[in-house]
Amino acid sequence: MSAHIPLIAALVAAVLAGRATAWLQLRRLRSALADATWRAHHDPLTGLLNRAGLATAHAIWCEDDEPMILAVVDLDRFKAVNDTYGHQAGDDVLIEVADRIETAAGRNGGIAARLGGDEFAVLLPVRPEIGEAVHDIVRSISATPIALTVDGAPITLTCSGRAGTCWGEPSDQLGTLLHRADVALYHVKRTHLPYDIYAPSMTVPAGLPRRGPRLRDRKTAA
């Protein structure tokens, strides 16, 4: 029997080593899956939810059978930042603005996402002071100048933004809410208001050139 002890010990060691290797592989797999899931639902530049993440947040919100407010926020004259200071400076501005919007959304019970380019979205609970909440989010963008370094030189920029908003019921599709908020945003830009709430009477001209893959050219709201 004693002659077999080394063999048995070697077999046990091999089994334990195999289990340890399998455990490490499983741990790496779980980590990779978690990372892939995070990347699938978040914007790589700002860390906010992306469109897929917003869709998931909307679905969860609807499961609670609660109405909501959707705000689409767009920066004013952001293209000029890229054209004047370069895309790196533009990215730095987007990161800072995203942080401000996320912070303002959080203190008003909402959640923020980046739709693409300089467009953001915020889901908010319906509250009596909802106008103040949306105004707070818009105001946070221009609250203080943004400090940047361009070609080794420090500069400061003041950004501003506007928001189109709409009321939503749990039965409303996210695409419908985005379109309504987008229509309201179009009217906000025409009237130079900080924000406005969608009304069925609002329309956009058919064929109007719009930026970004999200924006639609439908003539009337859904």
Protein backbone atom coordinates (compact mmCIF):
# COMPACT_ATOMS: atom_id res chain seq x y z
CA MET A 1 0.00 0.00 0.00
CA SER A 2 2.80 2.36 0.88
CA ALA A 3 4.15 1.98 -2.63
CA HIS A 4 0.95 3.49 -4.02
CA ILE A 5 0.92 6.52 -1.73
CA PRO A 6 3.08 8.72 -4.02
CA LEU A 7 0.86 7.82 -6.98
CA ILE A 8 -2.30 8.62 -5.04
CA ALA A 9 -0.79 11.88 -3.85
CA ALA A 10 0.14 12.80 -7.40
CA LEU A 11 -3.39 12.04 -8.61
CA VAL A 12 -4.92 14.13 -5.82
CA ALA A 13 -2.54 16.98 -6.62
CA ALA A 14 -3.46 16.75 -10.30
CA VAL A 15 -7.18 16.83 -9.50
CA LEU A 16 -6.76 19.81 -7.18
CA ALA A 17 -4.61 21.61 -9.74
CA GLY A 18 -7.21 20.91 -12.39
CA ARG A 19 -9.95 22.28 -10.18
CA ALA A 20 -7.87 25.36 -9.39
CA THR A 21 -7.25 25.92 -13.09
CA ALA A 22 -10.94 25.45 -13.88
CA TRP A 23 -11.87 27.86 -11.07
CA LEU A 24 -9.46 30.47 -12.41
CA GLN A 25 -10.80 29.99 -15.93
CA LEU A 26 -14.37 30.33 -14.66
CA ARG A 27 -13.43 33.47 -12.75
CA ARG A 28 -11.82 34.99 -15.84
CA LEU A 29 -14.86 34.03 -17.92
CA ARG A 30 -17.24 35.66 -15.47
CA SER A 31 -15.08 38.78 -15.39
CA ALA A 32 -14.97 38.88 -19.19
CA LEU A 33 -18.75 38.45 -19.42
CA ALA A 34 -19.32 41.19 -16.85
CA ASP A 35 -16.97 43.48 -18.78
CA ALA A 36 -18.70 42.68 -22.07
CA THR A 37 -22.10 43.35 -20.53
CA TRP A 38 -20.89 46.68 -19.13
CA ARG A 39 -19.42 47.72 -22.49
CA ALA A 40 -22.61 46.71 -24.29
CA HIS A 41 -24.67 49.06 -22.12
CA HIS A 42 -22.30 51.98 -21.53
CA ASP A 43 -20.73 54.73 -23.60
CA PRO A 44 -16.96 54.17 -23.73
CA LEU A 45 -16.10 57.89 -23.65
CA THR A 46 -18.25 59.16 -20.80
CA GLY A 47 -19.16 56.01 -18.89
CA LEU A 48 -22.85 56.90 -19.08
CA LEU A 49 -25.44 54.43 -20.27
CA ASN A 50 -25.56 54.17 -24.05
CA ARG A 51 -28.71 53.69 -26.10
CA ALA A 52 -28.91 49.99 -25.23
CA GLY A 53 -28.41 50.81 -21.56
CA LEU A 54 -31.13 53.45 -21.75
CA ALA A 55 -33.47 50.89 -23.30
CA THR A 56 -32.78 48.52 -20.42
CA ALA A 57 -33.35 51.27 -17.85
CA HIS A 58 -36.61 52.21 -19.58
CA ALA A 59 -37.78 48.58 -19.57
CA ILE A 60 -37.06 48.24 -15.85
CA TRP A 61 -38.85 51.53 -15.20
CA CYS A 62 -41.89 50.26 -17.10
CA GLU A 63 -41.92 47.03 -15.07
CA ASP A 64 -42.66 49.18 -12.01
CA ASP A 65 -45.69 50.57 -13.89
CA GLU A 66 -44.63 54.14 -13.19
CA PRO A 67 -44.98 57.15 -15.53
CA MET A 68 -41.82 59.01 -16.43
CA ILE A 69 -40.32 62.09 -18.02
CA LEU A 70 -37.78 61.74 -20.81
CA ALA A 71 -35.52 64.69 -21.54
CA VAL A 72 -33.22 64.86 -24.56
CA VAL A 73 -30.39 67.33 -23.93
CA ASP A 74 -28.35 68.88 -26.72
CA LEU A 75 -25.33 71.18 -26.39
CA ASP A 76 -25.31 74.58 -28.07
CA ARG A 77 -22.73 75.15 -30.81
CA PHE A 78 -20.65 72.12 -29.84
CA LYS A 79 -19.33 71.75 -33.38
CA ALA A 80 -17.46 75.04 -32.91
CA VAL A 81 -15.51 73.48 -30.03
CA ASN A 82 -14.29 70.65 -32.24
CA ASP A 83 -13.54 72.99 -35.14
CA THR A 84 -11.65 75.50 -33.00
CA TYR A 85 -9.84 73.38 -30.43
CA GLY A 86 -9.82 69.87 -31.91
CA HIS A 87 -11.60 66.63 -31.16
CA GLN A 88 -9.60 65.86 -28.03
CA ALA A 89 -10.84 69.09 -26.47
CA GLY A 90 -14.32 68.19 -27.66
CA ASP A 91 -14.07 64.81 -25.96
CA ASP A 92 -12.89 66.46 -22.74
CA VAL A 93 -15.90 68.77 -22.85
CA LEU A 94 -18.26 65.84 -23.40
CA ILE A 95 -16.77 63.96 -20.45
CA GLU A 96 -17.20 66.96 -18.14
CA VAL A 97 -20.72 67.71 -19.39
CA ALA A 98 -21.70 64.05 -19.00
CA ASP A 99 -20.54 64.14 -15.39
CA ARG A 100 -22.57 67.27 -14.72
CA ILE A 101 -25.70 65.85 -16.34
CA GLU A 102 -25.33 62.56 -14.48
CA THR A 103 -24.92 64.37 -11.15
CA ALA A 104 -27.94 66.60 -11.79
CA ALA A 105 -30.01 63.62 -12.94
CA GLY A 106 -29.08 61.70 -9.81
CA ARG A 107 -30.06 64.43 -7.39
CA ASN A 108 -33.45 64.60 -9.14
CA GLY A 109 -34.04 60.85 -8.95
CA GLY A 110 -33.19 60.16 -12.59
CA ILE A 111 -30.64 58.36 -14.72
CA ALA A 112 -28.56 59.76 -17.60
CA ALA A 113 -27.41 58.31 -20.91
CA ARG A 114 -25.43 59.48 -23.92
CA LEU A 115 -27.27 59.00 -27.20
CA GLY A 116 -24.28 59.94 -29.35
CA GLY A 117 -22.35 63.05 -30.32
CA ASP A 118 -23.37 65.89 -28.03
CA GLU A 119 -26.82 64.47 -27.29
CA PHE A 120 -27.82 63.06 -23.93
CA ALA A 121 -31.00 61.65 -22.46
CA VAL A 122 -32.33 61.63 -18.92
CA LEU A 123 -35.14 59.50 -17.50
CA LEU A 124 -36.85 61.20 -14.57
CA PRO A 125 -39.71 60.30 -12.23
CA VAL A 126 -42.87 62.36 -12.56
CA ARG A 127 -42.94 64.91 -9.75
CA PRO A 128 -44.73 68.23 -9.18
CA GLU A 129 -41.41 70.08 -9.51
CA ILE A 130 -40.41 68.37 -12.77
CA GLY A 131 -39.86 71.70 -14.49
CA GLU A 132 -37.33 72.61 -11.82
CA ALA A 133 -35.61 69.25 -12.27
CA VAL A 134 -35.20 69.67 -16.03
CA HIS A 135 -34.07 73.26 -15.58
CA ASP A 136 -31.54 72.07 -12.99
CA ILE A 137 -30.09 69.59 -15.48
CA VAL A 138 -29.84 72.19 -18.24
CA ARG A 139 -28.41 74.78 -15.85
CA SER A 140 -25.76 72.35 -14.59
CA ILE A 141 -24.10 72.36 -18.03
CA SER A 142 -23.25 76.05 -17.80
CA ALA A 143 -22.88 76.27 -14.01
CA THR A 144 -19.12 76.85 -14.13
CA PRO A 145 -16.57 77.20 -16.96
CA ILE A 146 -14.84 74.02 -18.12
CA ALA A 147 -11.06 74.08 -17.76
CA LEU A 148 -9.10 72.48 -20.62
CA THR A 149 -5.53 72.24 -21.81
CA VAL A 150 -5.07 72.69 -25.55
CA ASP A 151 -1.56 72.41 -27.03
CA GLY A 152 -0.14 72.85 -23.55
CA ALA A 153 -2.06 76.06 -22.90
CA PRO A 154 -4.87 76.27 -20.32
CA ILE A 155 -8.22 77.57 -21.56
CA THR A 156 -11.72 77.78 -20.14
CA LEU A 157 -14.96 77.25 -22.02
CA THR A 158 -18.52 77.95 -21.00
CA CYS A 159 -21.01 75.48 -22.43
CA SER A 160 -24.77 75.64 -22.54
CA GLY A 161 -27.50 73.24 -23.54
CA ARG A 162 -31.22 72.86 -24.08
CA ALA A 163 -33.69 70.07 -23.50
CA GLY A 164 -36.79 68.73 -25.17
CA THR A 165 -38.97 66.74 -22.80
CA CYS A 166 -42.07 64.57 -22.89
CA TRP A 167 -44.32 62.68 -20.52
CA GLY A 168 -44.31 58.92 -20.83
CA GLU A 169 -46.51 56.06 -19.69
CA PRO A 170 -45.27 52.50 -19.07
CA SER A 171 -47.05 51.45 -22.27
CA ASP A 172 -45.06 53.92 -24.40
CA GLN A 173 -42.16 52.61 -26.48
CA LEU A 174 -38.80 54.24 -25.88
CA GLY A 175 -38.55 55.15 -29.57
CA THR A 176 -41.83 57.04 -29.32
CA LEU A 177 -40.63 58.98 -26.30
CA LEU A 178 -37.32 59.82 -27.97
CA HIS A 179 -39.16 61.13 -31.01
CA ARG A 180 -41.50 63.28 -28.94
CA ALA A 181 -38.63 64.73 -26.94
CA ASP A 182 -36.75 65.32 -30.18
CA VAL A 183 -39.69 67.26 -31.61
CA ALA A 184 -39.84 69.35 -28.44
CA LEU A 185 -36.09 69.98 -28.71
CA TYR A 186 -36.56 71.26 -32.25
CA HIS A 187 -39.06 73.83 -30.95
CA VAL A 188 -36.78 74.72 -28.03
CA LYS A 189 -34.02 75.63 -30.46
CA ARG A 190 -36.38 77.76 -32.53
CA THR A 191 -37.73 79.64 -29.51
CA HIS A 192 -34.40 79.79 -27.62
CA LEU A 193 -36.01 78.46 -24.44
CA PRO A 194 -33.92 76.36 -22.03
CA TYR A 195 -36.44 73.52 -22.31
CA ASP A 196 -39.98 72.73 -23.39
CA ILE A 197 -42.47 69.87 -23.02
CA TYR A 198 -43.82 68.04 -26.04
CA ALA A 199 -47.35 68.82 -27.20
CA PRO A 200 -49.21 66.91 -29.96
CA SER A 201 -49.49 70.16 -31.93
CA MET A 202 -45.70 70.31 -32.32
CA THR A 203 -44.30 69.21 -35.68
CA VAL A 204 -41.02 69.30 -37.57
CA PRO A 205 -40.71 70.01 -41.30
CA ALA A 206 -40.51 66.87 -43.42
CA GLY A 207 -37.01 66.18 -44.72
CA LEU A 208 -35.38 68.52 -42.23
CA PRO A 209 -31.63 67.72 -42.06
CA ARG A 210 -30.92 66.35 -38.60
CA ARG A 211 -27.72 65.23 -36.92
CA GLY A 212 -27.06 61.74 -35.62
CA PRO A 213 -28.51 58.33 -36.39
CA ARG A 214 -31.12 58.64 -33.64
CA LEU A 215 -32.86 61.68 -34.99
CA ARG A 216 -35.83 61.07 -37.21
CA ASP A 217 -37.46 63.15 -39.92
CA ARG A 218 -41.03 62.19 -39.22
CA LYS A 219 -43.43 65.04 -39.85
CA THR A 220 -45.69 64.44 -36.87
CA ALA A 221 -45.11 62.85 -33.51
CA ALA A 222 -46.14 59.31 -32.81
